Amino acid sequence: MLNFFSNMKDKIYNKAVVFLNHRFVRAMQYMGDAVAGRDQS
């Protein structure tokens, strides 16, 4: 039973990490585009 909860925790944690990393990368790209656009004008 303990192993089951451990596996569930790992799966949820992995999904959260992937989701947060994706959001972080998108935010960095958005900021990078904003800075690049500001530099061009």
C-alpha atoms as a PDB file:
ATOM      1  CA  MET A   1       0.000   0.000   0.000  1.00  0.00           C
ATOM      2  CA  LEU A   2       2.834   2.362   0.852  1.00  0.00           C
ATOM      3  CA  ASN A   3       4.405   1.615  -2.536  1.00  0.00           C
ATOM      4  CA  PHE A   4       1.147   2.567  -4.271  1.00  0.00           C
ATOM      5  CA  PHE A   5       1.056   5.970  -2.590  1.00  0.00           C
ATOM      6  CA  SER A   6       4.722   6.492  -3.350  1.00  0.00           C
ATOM      7  CA  ASN A   7       4.137   5.784  -7.040  1.00  0.00           C
ATOM      8  CA  MET A   8       1.132   8.123  -7.141  1.00  0.00           C
ATOM      9  CA  LYS A   9       3.156  10.864  -5.473  1.00  0.00           C
ATOM     10  CA  ASP A  10       5.957  10.429  -8.024  1.00  0.00           C
ATOM     11  CA  LYS A  11       3.520  10.576 -10.966  1.00  0.00           C
ATOM     12  CA  ILE A  12       1.794  13.699  -9.656  1.00  0.00           C
ATOM     13  CA  TYR A  13       5.140  15.319  -8.901  1.00  0.00           C
ATOM     14  CA  ASN A  14       6.489  14.535 -12.374  1.00  0.00           C
ATOM     15  CA  LYS A  15       3.369  15.981 -14.029  1.00  0.00           C
ATOM     16  CA  ALA A  16       3.617  19.119 -11.904  1.00  0.00           C
ATOM     17  CA  VAL A  17       7.306  19.560 -12.767  1.00  0.00           C
ATOM     18  CA  VAL A  18       6.662  19.135 -16.502  1.00  0.00           C
ATOM     19  CA  PHE A  19       3.716  21.544 -16.358  1.00  0.00           C
ATOM     20  CA  LEU A  20       5.669  24.186 -14.427  1.00  0.00           C
ATOM     21  CA  ASN A  21       8.695  23.826 -16.693  1.00  0.00           C
ATOM     22  CA  HIS A  22       6.477  24.290 -19.753  1.00  0.00           C
ATOM     23  CA  ARG A  23       4.884  27.406 -18.268  1.00  0.00           C
ATOM     24  CA  PHE A  24       8.301  28.759 -17.280  1.00  0.00           C
ATOM     25  CA  VAL A  25       9.744  28.220 -20.757  1.00  0.00           C
ATOM     26  CA  ARG A  26       6.745  29.940 -22.353  1.00  0.00           C
ATOM     27  CA  ALA A  27       7.099  32.878 -19.950  1.00  0.00           C
ATOM     28  CA  MET A  28      10.807  33.182 -20.747  1.00  0.00           C
ATOM     29  CA  GLN A  29      10.096  33.098 -24.491  1.00  0.00           C
ATOM     30  CA  TYR A  30       7.383  35.734 -24.078  1.00  0.00           C
ATOM     31  CA  MET A  31       9.715  38.002 -22.099  1.00  0.00           C
ATOM     32  CA  GLY A  32      12.487  37.410 -24.619  1.00  0.00           C
ATOM     33  CA  ASP A  33      10.183  38.376 -27.487  1.00  0.00           C
ATOM     34  CA  ALA A  34       9.056  41.498 -25.620  1.00  0.00           C
ATOM     35  CA  VAL A  35      12.652  42.550 -24.983  1.00  0.00           C
ATOM     36  CA  ALA A  36      13.656  41.812 -28.591  1.00  0.00           C
ATOM     37  CA  GLY A  37      10.679  43.811 -29.881  1.00  0.00           C
ATOM     38  CA  ARG A  38      11.619  46.717 -27.652  1.00  0.00           C
ATOM     39  CA  ASP A  39      15.220  46.606 -28.893  1.00  0.00           C
ATOM     40  CA  GLN A  40      14.168  46.677 -32.553  1.00  0.00           C
ATOM     41  CA  SER A  41      12.024  49.784 -32.278  1.00  0.00           C
END
